[in-house]
């Protein structure tokens, strides 16, 4: 067996069956989740980017909902003033104004529900729930062990 005199000599690698493009490649096995920490980091970065995009979309939606809520509240106040004026001047407009007032109130309630639902979501409680369950369970087991040991 002869040693190659020049590591950049392609003739030596071709004789041993190695391709020039294979040099410097880690041959410890196929890349998996355990052997490729960069792939895992890239996956975590992609998950974080998706979460960030979802958060940005939610913030934009909340801003739109709040703006719409302010507009509807202003319109509701205007209609209430018009109802007071219509009682004295033109009572025939009252049913239309009351109908519009009910529609605005229903829309406002839907917007408020949408805004509140994102402030308190069950998916946000997922991790604290499992943490409490895990450590609560450990506490119960330790308590049982201490009680058995003490008696």
N, C-alpha and C. Protein backbone atom coordinates (compact mmCIF):
# COMPACT_ATOMS: atom_id res chain seq x y z
N UNK A 1 0.84 -1.17 0.00
CA UNK A 1 0.00 0.00 0.00
C UNK A 1 0.87 1.22 0.00
N UNK A 2 0.54 2.17 -0.86
CA UNK A 2 1.34 3.38 -0.96
C UNK A 2 0.53 4.54 -0.43
N UNK A 3 1.17 5.46 0.19
CA UNK A 3 0.53 6.66 0.70
C UNK A 3 0.52 7.71 -0.40
N UNK A 4 -0.57 8.46 -0.48
CA UNK A 4 -0.60 9.50 -1.50
C UNK A 4 0.37 10.61 -1.14
N UNK A 5 1.09 11.05 -2.12
CA UNK A 5 2.06 12.11 -1.89
C UNK A 5 1.39 13.47 -1.86
N UNK A 6 0.37 13.64 -2.63
CA UNK A 6 -0.33 14.92 -2.70
C UNK A 6 -1.81 14.68 -2.40
N UNK A 7 -2.36 15.25 -1.30
CA UNK A 7 -3.77 15.00 -0.98
C UNK A 7 -4.72 15.56 -2.02
N UNK A 8 -4.30 16.50 -2.82
CA UNK A 8 -5.19 17.05 -3.84
C UNK A 8 -5.09 16.30 -5.15
N UNK A 9 -4.29 15.24 -5.18
CA UNK A 9 -4.13 14.45 -6.39
C UNK A 9 -5.36 13.59 -6.60
N UNK A 10 -6.14 13.84 -7.66
CA UNK A 10 -7.37 13.08 -7.88
C UNK A 10 -7.14 11.62 -8.23
N UNK A 11 -5.96 11.29 -8.71
CA UNK A 11 -5.72 9.91 -9.12
C UNK A 11 -5.72 8.97 -7.92
N UNK A 12 -5.23 9.44 -6.75
CA UNK A 12 -5.20 8.59 -5.56
C UNK A 12 -6.60 8.30 -5.06
N UNK A 13 -7.48 9.28 -5.06
CA UNK A 13 -8.83 9.06 -4.55
C UNK A 13 -9.65 8.23 -5.53
N UNK A 14 -9.33 8.31 -6.80
CA UNK A 14 -10.08 7.52 -7.76
C UNK A 14 -9.69 6.05 -7.66
N UNK A 15 -8.44 5.79 -7.28
CA UNK A 15 -8.02 4.41 -7.13
C UNK A 15 -8.69 3.76 -5.92
N UNK A 16 -8.91 4.52 -4.87
CA UNK A 16 -9.50 3.94 -3.67
C UNK A 16 -11.03 3.95 -3.71
N UNK A 17 -11.61 4.47 -4.76
CA UNK A 17 -13.05 4.49 -4.89
C UNK A 17 -13.69 5.73 -4.29
N UNK A 18 -12.89 6.66 -3.80
CA UNK A 18 -13.41 7.88 -3.19
C UNK A 18 -13.55 8.95 -4.27
N UNK A 19 -14.66 9.63 -4.23
CA UNK A 19 -14.86 10.72 -5.18
C UNK A 19 -14.23 11.99 -4.62
N UNK A 20 -13.78 12.89 -5.48
CA UNK A 20 -13.19 14.13 -4.99
C UNK A 20 -14.19 14.94 -4.17
N UNK A 21 -15.47 14.81 -4.46
CA UNK A 21 -16.47 15.60 -3.73
C UNK A 21 -16.75 15.02 -2.34
N UNK A 22 -16.25 13.78 -2.07
CA UNK A 22 -16.50 13.14 -0.78
C UNK A 22 -15.49 13.55 0.28
N UNK A 23 -14.47 14.25 -0.08
CA UNK A 23 -13.44 14.62 0.88
C UNK A 23 -14.00 15.60 1.90
N UNK A 24 -13.65 15.38 3.13
CA UNK A 24 -14.07 16.28 4.19
C UNK A 24 -15.49 16.03 4.67
N UNK A 25 -16.14 14.98 4.16
CA UNK A 25 -17.50 14.68 4.55
C UNK A 25 -17.47 13.73 5.73
N UNK A 26 -18.31 13.99 6.71
CA UNK A 26 -18.40 13.14 7.89
C UNK A 26 -19.06 11.82 7.48
N UNK A 27 -18.36 10.70 7.72
CA UNK A 27 -18.86 9.39 7.31
C UNK A 27 -19.31 8.56 8.51
N UNK A 28 -19.77 9.20 9.57
CA UNK A 28 -20.15 8.45 10.76
C UNK A 28 -21.54 7.85 10.65
N UNK A 29 -22.30 8.17 9.65
CA UNK A 29 -23.62 7.59 9.51
C UNK A 29 -24.56 8.60 8.88
N UNK A 30 -25.76 8.16 8.59
CA UNK A 30 -26.71 9.08 7.98
C UNK A 30 -27.15 10.13 8.98
N UNK A 31 -27.39 11.35 8.49
CA UNK A 31 -27.81 12.39 9.41
C UNK A 31 -29.21 12.10 9.93
N UNK A 32 -29.36 12.10 11.22
CA UNK A 32 -30.64 11.87 11.86
C UNK A 32 -30.94 13.01 12.82
N UNK A 33 -31.98 12.85 13.59
CA UNK A 33 -32.34 13.92 14.51
C UNK A 33 -31.29 14.07 15.60
N UNK A 34 -30.61 12.95 15.98
CA UNK A 34 -29.61 13.03 17.03
C UNK A 34 -28.25 13.44 16.49
N UNK A 35 -27.93 13.01 15.28
CA UNK A 35 -26.60 13.30 14.75
C UNK A 35 -26.53 14.61 13.99
N UNK A 36 -27.65 15.31 13.82
CA UNK A 36 -27.64 16.56 13.07
C UNK A 36 -28.28 17.67 13.90
N UNK A 37 -27.51 18.26 14.81
CA UNK A 37 -28.09 19.32 15.63
C UNK A 37 -28.45 20.56 14.82
N UNK A 38 -27.77 20.78 13.71
CA UNK A 38 -28.11 21.95 12.88
C UNK A 38 -29.49 21.80 12.25
N UNK A 39 -29.86 20.60 11.87
CA UNK A 39 -31.20 20.36 11.32
C UNK A 39 -32.27 20.61 12.35
N UNK A 40 -31.99 20.20 13.58
CA UNK A 40 -32.94 20.43 14.66
C UNK A 40 -33.07 21.92 14.95
N UNK A 41 -31.96 22.62 14.94
CA UNK A 41 -31.99 24.06 15.17
C UNK A 41 -32.75 24.76 14.05
N UNK A 42 -32.52 24.34 12.82
CA UNK A 42 -33.25 24.93 11.69
C UNK A 42 -34.75 24.68 11.82
N UNK A 43 -35.11 23.48 12.27
CA UNK A 43 -36.52 23.15 12.48
C UNK A 43 -37.11 24.04 13.57
N UNK A 44 -36.38 24.24 14.65
CA UNK A 44 -36.85 25.10 15.73
C UNK A 44 -36.97 26.56 15.26
N UNK A 45 -36.04 26.99 14.44
CA UNK A 45 -36.10 28.35 13.89
C UNK A 45 -37.33 28.50 13.01
N UNK A 46 -37.62 27.50 12.19
CA UNK A 46 -38.82 27.56 11.34
C UNK A 46 -40.08 27.58 12.19
N UNK A 47 -40.11 26.79 13.25
CA UNK A 47 -41.27 26.81 14.15
C UNK A 47 -41.42 28.18 14.80
N UNK A 48 -40.30 28.76 15.20
CA UNK A 48 -40.34 30.09 15.82
C UNK A 48 -40.80 31.13 14.83
N UNK A 49 -40.35 31.03 13.59
CA UNK A 49 -40.80 31.98 12.56
C UNK A 49 -42.29 31.84 12.31
N UNK A 50 -42.80 30.60 12.27
CA UNK A 50 -44.23 30.41 12.09
C UNK A 50 -45.02 31.00 13.26
N UNK A 51 -44.51 30.78 14.45
CA UNK A 51 -45.18 31.34 15.64
C UNK A 51 -45.15 32.86 15.60
N UNK A 52 -44.03 33.42 15.17
CA UNK A 52 -43.91 34.87 15.07
C UNK A 52 -44.86 35.43 14.03
N UNK A 53 -44.96 34.77 12.89
CA UNK A 53 -45.90 35.21 11.85
C UNK A 53 -47.34 35.12 12.34
N UNK A 54 -47.66 34.04 13.06
CA UNK A 54 -49.01 33.90 13.62
C UNK A 54 -49.28 35.03 14.62
N UNK A 55 -48.29 35.34 15.44
CA UNK A 55 -48.44 36.41 16.42
C UNK A 55 -48.62 37.76 15.72
N UNK A 56 -47.86 38.01 14.67
CA UNK A 56 -48.01 39.26 13.92
C UNK A 56 -49.40 39.38 13.30
N UNK A 57 -49.88 38.26 12.74
CA UNK A 57 -51.23 38.26 12.17
C UNK A 57 -52.28 38.53 13.24
N UNK A 58 -52.08 37.92 14.40
CA UNK A 58 -53.04 38.11 15.49
C UNK A 58 -53.02 39.56 15.99
N UNK A 59 -51.84 40.16 16.09
CA UNK A 59 -51.74 41.55 16.51
C UNK A 59 -52.45 42.46 15.51
N UNK A 60 -52.25 42.20 14.22
CA UNK A 60 -52.94 42.99 13.20
C UNK A 60 -54.45 42.81 13.30
N UNK A 61 -54.89 41.59 13.55
CA UNK A 61 -56.33 41.34 13.69
C UNK A 61 -56.88 42.05 14.92
N UNK A 62 -56.16 42.03 16.02
CA UNK A 62 -56.61 42.72 17.23
C UNK A 62 -56.71 44.22 16.98
N UNK A 63 -55.72 44.77 16.27
CA UNK A 63 -55.76 46.20 15.96
C UNK A 63 -56.95 46.53 15.08
N UNK A 64 -57.22 45.68 14.08
CA UNK A 64 -58.39 45.91 13.22
C UNK A 64 -59.69 45.81 14.03
N UNK A 65 -59.75 44.80 14.90
CA UNK A 65 -60.96 44.63 15.72
C UNK A 65 -61.16 45.81 16.66
N UNK A 66 -60.10 46.30 17.25
CA UNK A 66 -60.23 47.45 18.15
C UNK A 66 -60.67 48.70 17.39
N UNK A 67 -60.12 48.88 16.20
CA UNK A 67 -60.52 50.03 15.38
C UNK A 67 -62.00 49.90 15.00
N UNK A 68 -62.39 48.72 14.58
CA UNK A 68 -63.80 48.48 14.22
C UNK A 68 -64.70 48.66 15.45
N UNK A 69 -64.23 48.23 16.60
CA UNK A 69 -65.00 48.39 17.84
C UNK A 69 -65.20 49.87 18.15
N UNK A 70 -64.15 50.68 18.02
CA UNK A 70 -64.28 52.13 18.26
C UNK A 70 -65.27 52.76 17.30
N UNK A 71 -65.19 52.36 16.02
CA UNK A 71 -66.11 52.91 15.02
C UNK A 71 -67.55 52.55 15.36
N UNK A 72 -67.77 51.30 15.72
CA UNK A 72 -69.13 50.86 16.05
C UNK A 72 -69.64 51.52 17.33
N UNK A 73 -68.78 51.71 18.29
CA UNK A 73 -69.20 52.39 19.51
C UNK A 73 -69.59 53.84 19.22
N UNK A 74 -68.82 54.48 18.37
CA UNK A 74 -69.17 55.86 17.98
C UNK A 74 -70.50 55.88 17.24
N UNK A 75 -70.68 54.93 16.32
CA UNK A 75 -71.94 54.87 15.58
C UNK A 75 -73.11 54.56 16.52
N UNK A 76 -72.90 53.68 17.49
CA UNK A 76 -73.93 53.36 18.47
C UNK A 76 -74.33 54.60 19.27
N UNK A 77 -73.35 55.38 19.69
CA UNK A 77 -73.64 56.62 20.42
C UNK A 77 -74.42 57.60 19.55
N UNK A 78 -74.04 57.69 18.26
CA UNK A 78 -74.76 58.58 17.34
C UNK A 78 -76.22 58.13 17.18
N UNK A 79 -76.42 56.84 17.04
CA UNK A 79 -77.78 56.31 16.87
C UNK A 79 -78.61 56.57 18.13
N UNK A 80 -78.01 56.41 19.29
CA UNK A 80 -78.75 56.68 20.53
C UNK A 80 -79.19 58.14 20.59
N UNK A 81 -78.33 59.05 20.14
CA UNK A 81 -78.72 60.46 20.09
C UNK A 81 -79.85 60.67 19.08
N UNK A 82 -79.73 59.98 17.94
CA UNK A 82 -80.78 60.10 16.92
C UNK A 82 -82.11 59.53 17.43
N UNK A 83 -82.05 58.46 18.22
CA UNK A 83 -83.28 57.88 18.78
C UNK A 83 -83.93 58.90 19.71
N UNK A 84 -83.13 59.55 20.55
CA UNK A 84 -83.69 60.55 21.46
C UNK A 84 -84.34 61.71 20.68
N UNK A 85 -83.67 62.11 19.60
CA UNK A 85 -84.22 63.20 18.80
C UNK A 85 -85.45 62.75 18.02
N UNK A 86 -85.42 61.49 17.55
CA UNK A 86 -86.53 60.99 16.73
C UNK A 86 -87.80 60.80 17.57
N UNK A 87 -87.65 60.58 18.85
CA UNK A 87 -88.82 60.44 19.71
C UNK A 87 -89.65 61.72 19.69
N UNK A 88 -88.99 62.84 19.60
CA UNK A 88 -89.68 64.13 19.61
C UNK A 88 -90.07 64.60 18.21
N UNK A 89 -89.21 64.36 17.23
CA UNK A 89 -89.45 64.94 15.91
C UNK A 89 -90.10 63.98 14.93
N UNK A 90 -89.57 62.76 14.81
CA UNK A 90 -90.07 61.83 13.78
C UNK A 90 -90.11 60.41 14.34
N UNK A 91 -91.18 60.03 15.01
CA UNK A 91 -91.26 58.69 15.61
C UNK A 91 -91.27 57.54 14.60
N UNK A 92 -91.49 57.80 13.34
CA UNK A 92 -91.52 56.71 12.34
C UNK A 92 -90.11 56.15 12.08
N UNK A 93 -89.08 56.89 12.43
CA UNK A 93 -87.70 56.40 12.24
C UNK A 93 -87.24 55.48 13.36
N UNK A 94 -87.97 55.43 14.46
CA UNK A 94 -87.53 54.66 15.62
C UNK A 94 -87.30 53.17 15.33
N UNK A 95 -88.20 52.47 14.62
CA UNK A 95 -87.95 51.03 14.37
C UNK A 95 -86.66 50.79 13.60
N UNK A 96 -86.38 51.62 12.59
CA UNK A 96 -85.15 51.45 11.81
C UNK A 96 -83.92 51.70 12.67
N UNK A 97 -83.98 52.75 13.47
CA UNK A 97 -82.83 53.08 14.32
C UNK A 97 -82.60 51.99 15.38
N UNK A 98 -83.68 51.49 15.95
CA UNK A 98 -83.54 50.44 16.95
C UNK A 98 -83.01 49.14 16.33
N UNK A 99 -83.42 48.86 15.11
CA UNK A 99 -82.93 47.67 14.42
C UNK A 99 -81.43 47.80 14.17
N UNK A 100 -81.01 48.97 13.69
CA UNK A 100 -79.58 49.20 13.44
C UNK A 100 -78.80 49.16 14.75
N UNK A 101 -79.38 49.69 15.81
CA UNK A 101 -78.74 49.66 17.12
C UNK A 101 -78.54 48.22 17.61
N UNK A 102 -79.51 47.35 17.39
CA UNK A 102 -79.38 45.94 17.78
C UNK A 102 -78.30 45.24 16.97
N UNK A 103 -78.23 45.55 15.66
CA UNK A 103 -77.19 44.95 14.82
C UNK A 103 -75.80 45.39 15.28
N UNK A 104 -75.66 46.67 15.59
CA UNK A 104 -74.37 47.17 16.05
C UNK A 104 -74.00 46.52 17.39
N UNK A 105 -74.97 46.40 18.27
CA UNK A 105 -74.70 45.79 19.58
C UNK A 105 -74.28 44.33 19.42
N UNK A 106 -74.92 43.60 18.52
CA UNK A 106 -74.54 42.20 18.28
C UNK A 106 -73.12 42.12 17.70
N UNK A 107 -72.79 43.01 16.79
CA UNK A 107 -71.45 43.02 16.21
C UNK A 107 -70.42 43.37 17.27
N UNK A 108 -70.73 44.33 18.13
CA UNK A 108 -69.81 44.70 19.20
C UNK A 108 -69.57 43.52 20.15
N UNK A 109 -70.62 42.79 20.47
CA UNK A 109 -70.46 41.63 21.35
C UNK A 109 -69.59 40.57 20.70
N UNK A 110 -69.75 40.37 19.40
CA UNK A 110 -68.92 39.38 18.69
C UNK A 110 -67.46 39.81 18.69
N UNK A 111 -67.21 41.10 18.48
CA UNK A 111 -65.84 41.60 18.48
C UNK A 111 -65.24 41.46 19.88
N UNK A 112 -65.99 41.82 20.91
CA UNK A 112 -65.48 41.69 22.28
C UNK A 112 -65.17 40.24 22.62
N UNK A 113 -66.02 39.33 22.18
CA UNK A 113 -65.78 37.91 22.42
C UNK A 113 -64.51 37.45 21.71
N UNK A 114 -64.32 37.92 20.49
CA UNK A 114 -63.13 37.56 19.73
C UNK A 114 -61.88 38.11 20.41
N UNK A 115 -61.95 39.35 20.89
CA UNK A 115 -60.79 39.93 21.56
C UNK A 115 -60.49 39.21 22.88
N UNK A 116 -61.52 38.89 23.63
CA UNK A 116 -61.32 38.21 24.91
C UNK A 116 -60.86 36.77 24.73
N UNK A 117 -61.31 36.13 23.67
CA UNK A 117 -60.95 34.73 23.48
C UNK A 117 -59.46 34.57 23.23
N UNK A 118 -58.83 35.54 22.64
CA UNK A 118 -57.39 35.43 22.40
C UNK A 118 -56.59 35.83 23.63
N UNK A 119 -57.18 36.60 24.52
CA UNK A 119 -56.45 36.93 25.74
C UNK A 119 -56.36 35.70 26.64
N UNK A 120 -57.37 34.87 26.60
CA UNK A 120 -57.40 33.67 27.42
C UNK A 120 -57.68 32.49 26.50
N UNK A 121 -56.65 31.76 26.16
CA UNK A 121 -56.85 30.59 25.30
C UNK A 121 -56.35 29.35 26.03
N UNK A 122 -57.01 28.24 25.77
CA UNK A 122 -56.63 27.00 26.43
C UNK A 122 -55.30 26.49 25.92
N UNK A 123 -54.93 26.84 24.69
CA UNK A 123 -53.64 26.38 24.19
C UNK A 123 -52.49 27.06 24.94
N UNK A 124 -52.73 28.25 25.46
CA UNK A 124 -51.70 28.93 26.24
C UNK A 124 -51.53 28.26 27.60
N UNK A 125 -52.54 27.52 28.03
CA UNK A 125 -52.46 26.83 29.33
C UNK A 125 -51.90 25.43 29.22
N UNK A 126 -51.59 24.99 28.02
CA UNK A 126 -51.14 23.61 27.82
C UNK A 126 -49.87 23.31 28.61
N UNK A 127 -48.84 24.12 28.44
CA UNK A 127 -47.59 23.84 29.13
C UNK A 127 -47.71 24.02 30.64
N UNK A 128 -48.29 25.11 31.15
CA UNK A 128 -48.45 25.20 32.62
C UNK A 128 -49.25 24.04 33.20
N UNK A 129 -50.25 23.57 32.45
CA UNK A 129 -51.04 22.44 32.93
C UNK A 129 -50.16 21.21 33.12
N UNK A 130 -49.35 20.91 32.10
CA UNK A 130 -48.52 19.71 32.19
C UNK A 130 -47.44 19.88 33.25
N UNK A 131 -46.92 21.08 33.41
CA UNK A 131 -45.93 21.32 34.46
C UNK A 131 -46.56 21.09 35.84
N UNK A 132 -47.75 21.64 36.02
CA UNK A 132 -48.44 21.46 37.32
C UNK A 132 -48.74 19.99 37.55
N UNK A 133 -49.19 19.30 36.53
CA UNK A 133 -49.49 17.88 36.66
C UNK A 133 -48.22 17.08 37.00
N UNK A 134 -47.14 17.40 36.31
CA UNK A 134 -45.88 16.68 36.53
C UNK A 134 -45.37 16.91 37.96
N UNK A 135 -45.25 18.17 38.36
CA UNK A 135 -44.69 18.45 39.67
C UNK A 135 -45.67 18.14 40.79
N UNK A 136 -46.95 18.28 40.53
CA UNK A 136 -47.95 17.88 41.52
C UNK A 136 -47.90 16.38 41.74
N UNK A 137 -47.76 15.63 40.66
CA UNK A 137 -47.64 14.18 40.77
C UNK A 137 -46.40 13.77 41.52
N UNK A 138 -45.30 14.44 41.25
CA UNK A 138 -44.06 14.14 41.97
C UNK A 138 -44.23 14.46 43.45
N UNK A 139 -44.91 15.57 43.73
CA UNK A 139 -45.15 15.94 45.13
C UNK A 139 -45.99 14.91 45.85
N UNK A 140 -47.01 14.40 45.18
CA UNK A 140 -47.87 13.37 45.80
C UNK A 140 -47.06 12.10 46.06
N UNK A 141 -46.27 11.69 45.11
CA UNK A 141 -45.45 10.48 45.27
C UNK A 141 -44.46 10.66 46.41
N UNK A 142 -43.80 11.83 46.47
CA UNK A 142 -42.86 12.08 47.56
C UNK A 142 -43.59 12.07 48.90
N UNK A 143 -44.79 12.65 48.93
CA UNK A 143 -45.58 12.64 50.16
C UNK A 143 -45.92 11.23 50.60
N UNK A 144 -46.32 10.38 49.67
CA UNK A 144 -46.62 8.99 50.01
C UNK A 144 -45.38 8.27 50.55
N UNK A 145 -44.25 8.52 49.88
CA UNK A 145 -43.00 7.88 50.32
C UNK A 145 -42.62 8.34 51.72
N UNK A 146 -42.73 9.64 52.00
CA UNK A 146 -42.39 10.16 53.32
C UNK A 146 -43.35 9.62 54.38
N UNK A 147 -44.62 9.50 54.04
CA UNK A 147 -45.59 8.97 54.97
C UNK A 147 -45.30 7.50 55.28
N UNK A 148 -44.97 6.73 54.24
CA UNK A 148 -44.65 5.31 54.43
C UNK A 148 -43.36 5.17 55.25
N UNK A 149 -42.40 6.03 55.02
CA UNK A 149 -41.13 5.97 55.74
C UNK A 149 -41.30 6.37 57.19
N UNK A 150 -42.18 7.35 57.44
CA UNK A 150 -42.38 7.84 58.80
C UNK A 150 -43.16 6.85 59.65
N UNK A 151 -43.98 6.02 59.05
CA UNK A 151 -44.79 5.10 59.87
C UNK A 151 -44.21 3.74 60.00
